[in-house]
């Protein structure tokens, strides 16, 4: 069994460092790309993110048909709670025009939370492995270098959805470099905190209750993440089309985002 300090330190590093890097990369890209292309890239990321997360949520029990019973119902309820919660927090989601943009910096913060909640389950899974493994190496315990690299890449790519939302909805929120750093730091924290909390709490929960099931957290995170997709999809269609090739460019950006997470997933196989 790995120690708590080592496990928590590894969890914090594997969440925060890649997330900060991902937000920095998308922020640099925002200087050269129209916001609608950032949104398209982020939607591509989301398409793989959704398929990955619904798999972690055991397809909400759909693979068991109507024989899932209470377990099946609980997964669906967790999903419904997540979806309803996020849309309730942003009541102006589908308001057309400037009124729908008035939440400003709150939008990327909500997107960070919406996408980050599934990280609680990931952090919990890391701690569960640390508690049950006979290995004394973090890398070996979590599947080796390839699996570890895949995880880090996911934690760098996923917050790019948050960064895209920031440059779509809150690009004028910060007035200088220090303000921009503060904004991005808040987004990193909002995205990574669920995973860190999940890792810290699950380390002891798993020792007391080895059979504890965190699938419900992934179902909740699947529901909350739909808020991110809705906000990002809106960004794809804001403003006039500048050329006849806009749709093609957005399709290519979506494909690029999807492929990035797809390739990262291949490392984990």
Protein backbone atom coordinates (compact mmCIF):
# COMPACT_ATOMS: atom_id res chain seq x y z
CA UNK A 1 0.00 0.00 0.00
CA UNK A 2 1.24 3.45 -0.88
CA UNK A 3 1.28 6.13 1.80
CA UNK A 4 -1.33 8.89 2.00
CA UNK A 5 1.12 11.75 1.50
CA UNK A 6 2.69 10.10 -1.54
CA UNK A 7 -0.70 9.28 -3.03
CA UNK A 8 -2.14 12.75 -2.42
CA UNK A 9 1.00 14.44 -3.72
CA UNK A 10 0.88 12.37 -6.89
CA UNK A 11 -2.82 13.11 -7.33
CA UNK A 12 -2.35 16.86 -6.88
CA UNK A 13 0.56 16.97 -9.31
CA UNK A 14 -1.18 14.84 -11.94
CA UNK A 15 -4.25 17.08 -11.86
CA UNK A 16 -2.93 20.61 -11.37
CA UNK A 17 0.22 20.67 -13.50
CA UNK A 18 -1.36 19.29 -16.71
CA UNK A 19 -4.49 21.43 -16.23
CA UNK A 20 -2.41 24.58 -15.95
CA UNK A 21 -0.49 23.57 -19.05
CA UNK A 22 -3.67 22.88 -21.01
CA UNK A 23 -5.18 26.24 -20.12
CA UNK A 24 -1.95 27.97 -21.08
CA UNK A 25 -1.87 26.23 -24.48
CA UNK A 26 -5.48 27.10 -25.32
CA UNK A 27 -4.85 30.69 -24.21
CA UNK A 28 -1.94 30.99 -26.60
CA UNK A 29 -4.08 29.48 -29.37
CA UNK A 30 -6.78 32.07 -28.62
CA UNK A 31 -4.43 34.80 -29.85
CA UNK A 32 -4.41 33.27 -33.32
CA UNK A 33 -7.78 31.54 -33.69
CA UNK A 34 -11.32 32.87 -33.85
CA UNK A 35 -13.36 31.92 -30.76
CA UNK A 36 -15.72 29.80 -32.87
CA UNK A 37 -12.81 27.55 -33.85
CA UNK A 38 -11.79 27.19 -30.22
CA UNK A 39 -15.38 26.22 -29.47
CA UNK A 40 -15.36 23.64 -32.27
CA UNK A 41 -12.09 22.13 -31.00
CA UNK A 42 -13.55 21.97 -27.48
CA UNK A 43 -16.72 20.27 -28.73
CA UNK A 44 -14.51 17.67 -30.40
CA UNK A 45 -12.81 17.08 -27.05
CA UNK A 46 -16.20 16.84 -25.40
CA UNK A 47 -17.46 14.16 -27.78
CA UNK A 48 -14.70 11.80 -26.66
CA UNK A 49 -14.99 12.99 -23.05
CA UNK A 50 -18.69 12.08 -23.04
CA UNK A 51 -18.09 8.61 -24.47
CA UNK A 52 -15.31 8.01 -21.95
CA UNK A 53 -17.32 9.23 -18.97
CA UNK A 54 -20.49 7.33 -19.84
CA UNK A 55 -18.31 4.22 -20.03
CA UNK A 56 -17.00 4.95 -16.52
CA UNK A 57 -20.64 5.35 -15.47
CA UNK A 58 -21.34 1.86 -16.84
CA UNK A 59 -23.55 3.32 -19.57
CA UNK A 60 -25.96 4.36 -16.79
CA UNK A 61 -26.90 0.70 -16.50
CA UNK A 62 -28.27 0.47 -20.04
CA UNK A 63 -26.19 -2.66 -20.71
CA UNK A 64 -28.26 -4.45 -18.05
CA UNK A 65 -31.58 -3.68 -19.69
CA UNK A 66 -34.49 -3.55 -17.25
CA UNK A 67 -32.81 -5.94 -14.84
CA UNK A 68 -30.63 -3.28 -13.21
CA UNK A 69 -33.12 -2.51 -10.47
CA UNK A 70 -32.23 0.09 -7.84
CA UNK A 71 -28.64 0.36 -9.09
CA UNK A 72 -29.89 1.27 -12.56
CA UNK A 73 -32.32 3.85 -11.20
CA UNK A 74 -29.68 5.40 -8.93
CA UNK A 75 -27.30 5.93 -11.85
CA UNK A 76 -29.99 7.65 -13.89
CA UNK A 77 -30.99 9.82 -10.91
CA UNK A 78 -27.36 10.87 -10.35
CA UNK A 79 -27.11 11.82 -14.03
CA UNK A 80 -30.39 13.76 -13.87
CA UNK A 81 -29.29 15.61 -10.72
CA UNK A 82 -26.04 16.69 -12.38
CA UNK A 83 -27.78 17.92 -15.53
CA UNK A 84 -30.54 19.75 -13.66
CA UNK A 85 -28.15 21.32 -11.18
CA UNK A 86 -25.92 22.95 -13.78
CA UNK A 87 -28.74 24.27 -15.93
CA UNK A 88 -30.43 25.65 -12.83
CA UNK A 89 -27.25 27.50 -11.88
CA UNK A 90 -27.27 29.14 -15.30
CA UNK A 91 -30.89 30.02 -15.94
CA UNK A 92 -29.99 32.21 -18.93
CA UNK A 93 -28.34 29.41 -20.89
CA UNK A 94 -30.58 29.70 -23.94
CA UNK A 95 -31.33 33.43 -23.77
CA UNK A 96 -30.46 34.94 -27.18
CA UNK A 97 -28.27 37.97 -27.63
CA UNK A 98 -26.20 39.91 -25.08
CA UNK A 99 -28.41 38.93 -22.12
CA UNK A 100 -27.23 35.36 -22.45
CA UNK A 101 -23.63 36.51 -22.10
CA UNK A 102 -24.09 38.56 -18.95
CA UNK A 103 -22.73 35.91 -16.57
CA UNK A 104 -19.23 36.62 -17.93
CA UNK A 105 -16.51 34.92 -15.89
CA UNK A 106 -19.10 32.80 -14.10
CA UNK A 107 -19.62 30.81 -17.31
CA UNK A 108 -16.09 29.32 -17.59
CA UNK A 109 -16.09 28.73 -13.82
CA UNK A 110 -19.31 26.73 -14.16
CA UNK A 111 -17.86 24.91 -17.17
CA UNK A 112 -14.77 24.04 -15.09
CA UNK A 113 -16.94 22.61 -12.33
CA UNK A 114 -19.20 20.84 -14.84
CA UNK A 115 -16.29 19.08 -16.53
CA UNK A 116 -14.24 18.63 -13.36
CA UNK A 117 -16.78 16.77 -11.21
CA UNK A 118 -16.03 13.47 -12.92
CA UNK A 119 -12.48 13.97 -11.63
CA UNK A 120 -13.73 13.07 -8.14
CA UNK A 121 -14.23 9.53 -9.41
CA UNK A 122 -10.81 9.52 -11.07
CA UNK A 123 -9.10 10.76 -7.92
CA UNK A 124 -11.00 8.14 -5.92
CA UNK A 125 -9.90 5.43 -8.35
CA UNK A 126 -6.26 6.49 -7.97
CA UNK A 127 -6.51 6.31 -4.19
CA UNK A 128 -8.32 2.97 -4.32
CA UNK A 129 -5.44 1.58 -6.37
CA UNK A 130 -2.88 3.05 -3.96
CA UNK A 131 -4.61 1.41 -1.01
CA UNK A 132 -4.86 -2.03 -2.59
CA UNK A 133 -1.58 -2.28 -4.53
CA UNK A 134 1.46 -4.14 -3.23
CA UNK A 135 3.68 -1.88 -5.34
CA UNK A 136 5.76 0.92 -3.83
CA UNK A 137 5.94 2.88 -7.10
CA UNK A 138 3.24 5.35 -8.11
CA UNK A 139 3.93 4.80 -11.80
CA UNK A 140 3.80 1.01 -11.53
CA UNK A 141 0.74 1.07 -9.34
CA UNK A 142 -1.22 3.12 -11.85
CA UNK A 143 -0.51 0.96 -14.85
CA UNK A 144 2.99 1.94 -15.92
CA UNK A 145 4.42 4.82 -17.89
CA UNK A 146 2.03 4.53 -20.84
CA UNK A 147 -1.11 4.63 -18.67
CA UNK A 148 0.32 7.45 -16.59
CA UNK A 149 1.12 9.47 -19.70
CA UNK A 150 -2.42 8.91 -21.00
CA UNK A 151 -3.87 10.19 -17.73
CA UNK A 152 -1.69 13.30 -17.76
CA UNK A 153 -2.65 14.01 -21.37
CA UNK A 154 -6.32 13.72 -20.48
CA UNK A 155 -5.86 16.15 -17.61
CA UNK A 156 -4.19 18.60 -20.00
CA UNK A 157 -6.71 18.27 -22.83
CA UNK A 158 -9.97 18.26 -20.84
CA UNK A 159 -9.48 21.73 -19.29
CA UNK A 160 -9.01 23.12 -22.78
CA UNK A 161 -12.82 23.00 -22.89
CA UNK A 162 -12.74 25.35 -19.90
CA UNK A 163 -10.18 27.58 -21.60
CA UNK A 164 -12.30 27.78 -24.74
CA UNK A 165 -15.30 28.84 -22.65
CA UNK A 166 -13.15 31.51 -21.01
CA UNK A 167 -12.09 33.04 -24.33
CA UNK A 168 -15.63 32.89 -25.66
CA UNK A 169 -17.47 34.35 -22.67
CA UNK A 170 -14.93 36.17 -20.48
CA UNK A 171 -12.03 37.31 -22.63
CA UNK A 172 -12.48 40.90 -21.40
CA UNK A 173 -12.77 39.96 -17.73
CA UNK A 174 -9.06 40.46 -17.00
CA UNK A 175 -7.46 43.81 -17.77
CA UNK A 176 -3.78 42.85 -17.51
CA UNK A 177 -1.41 39.89 -17.24
CA UNK A 178 -1.79 39.53 -13.47
CA UNK A 179 -5.57 39.52 -13.86
CA UNK A 180 -5.34 36.88 -16.56
CA UNK A 181 -3.13 34.70 -14.36
CA UNK A 182 -5.62 35.07 -11.51
CA UNK A 183 -8.53 34.08 -13.77
CA UNK A 184 -6.74 31.02 -15.12
CA UNK A 185 -5.64 29.99 -11.61
CA UNK A 186 -9.26 30.08 -10.45
CA UNK A 187 -10.26 27.92 -13.41
CA UNK A 188 -7.48 25.42 -12.68
CA UNK A 189 -8.69 25.16 -9.08
CA UNK A 190 -12.34 24.80 -10.08
CA UNK A 191 -11.46 22.01 -12.51
CA UNK A 192 -9.00 20.08 -10.31
CA UNK A 193 -10.46 20.44 -6.81
CA UNK A 194 -13.06 17.64 -7.20
CA UNK A 195 -10.31 15.20 -8.21
CA UNK A 196 -8.05 16.20 -5.33
CA UNK A 197 -10.91 15.94 -2.82
CA UNK A 198 -11.89 12.58 -4.31
CA UNK A 199 -8.35 11.28 -3.95
CA UNK A 200 -7.98 12.52 -0.37
CA UNK A 201 -11.30 11.16 0.90
CA UNK A 202 -11.31 7.87 -0.99
CA UNK A 203 -7.92 6.86 0.46
CA UNK A 204 -9.56 6.27 3.83
CA UNK A 205 -13.04 5.38 2.63
CA UNK A 206 -11.72 2.46 0.59
CA UNK A 207 -9.78 1.14 3.57
CA UNK A 208 -12.97 1.13 5.67
CA UNK A 209 -15.33 0.03 2.89
CA UNK A 210 -13.35 -1.88 0.21
CA UNK A 211 -16.43 -2.51 -1.93
CA UNK A 212 -17.49 1.14 -2.19
CA UNK A 213 -18.70 2.03 -5.69
CA UNK A 214 -17.80 5.42 -7.25
CA UNK A 215 -19.75 4.78 -10.47
CA UNK A 216 -22.43 7.16 -9.25
CA UNK A 217 -19.93 10.02 -9.22
CA UNK A 218 -19.20 9.44 -12.90
CA UNK A 219 -22.94 9.41 -13.61
CA UNK A 220 -23.26 12.74 -11.79
CA UNK A 221 -20.27 14.13 -13.69
CA UNK A 222 -21.75 12.97 -16.97
CA UNK A 223 -24.88 15.00 -16.24
CA UNK A 224 -23.02 18.14 -15.20
CA UNK A 225 -20.77 17.99 -18.25
CA UNK A 226 -23.68 18.56 -20.62
CA UNK A 227 -23.70 22.17 -19.44
CA UNK A 228 -20.21 22.56 -20.89
CA UNK A 229 -21.32 21.12 -24.23
CA UNK A 230 -24.30 23.47 -24.41
CA UNK A 231 -22.25 26.58 -23.68
CA UNK A 232 -19.47 25.59 -26.08
CA UNK A 233 -21.90 24.69 -28.87
CA UNK A 234 -23.40 28.16 -28.65
CA UNK A 235 -19.94 29.65 -29.15
CA UNK A 236 -19.61 27.86 -32.48
CA UNK A 237 -22.51 29.80 -33.97
CA UNK A 238 -22.06 33.27 -32.47
CA UNK A 239 -21.43 36.07 -34.94
CA UNK A 240 -21.59 36.11 -38.74
CA UNK A 241 -19.92 33.56 -40.97
CA UNK A 242 -16.77 35.17 -42.35
CA UNK A 243 -16.39 32.84 -45.33
CA UNK A 244 -17.92 29.89 -47.10
CA UNK A 245 -15.31 27.61 -45.57
CA UNK A 246 -16.22 28.37 -41.94
CA UNK A 247 -18.22 25.18 -41.52
CA UNK A 248 -15.41 23.07 -42.98
CA UNK A 249 -12.86 24.70 -40.69
CA UNK A 250 -15.06 24.09 -37.65
CA UNK A 251 -15.54 20.47 -38.67
CA UNK A 252 -11.77 20.04 -38.91
CA UNK A 253 -11.31 21.64 -35.49
CA UNK A 254 -13.91 19.31 -34.00
CA UNK A 255 -12.14 16.37 -35.57
CA UNK A 256 -8.81 17.58 -34.19
CA UNK A 257 -10.19 17.86 -30.66
CA UNK A 258 -11.78 14.41 -30.83
CA UNK A 259 -8.60 12.88 -32.20
CA UNK A 260 -6.41 14.39 -29.48
CA UNK A 261 -8.32 12.65 -26.69
CA UNK A 262 -8.72 9.53 -28.82
CA UNK A 263 -4.95 9.23 -29.24
CA UNK A 264 -4.44 9.82 -25.52
CA UNK A 265 -6.90 7.00 -24.84
CA UNK A 266 -4.93 4.66 -27.12
CA UNK A 267 -1.95 4.99 -24.78
CA UNK A 268 -4.10 3.64 -21.97
CA UNK A 269 -5.13 0.48 -23.84
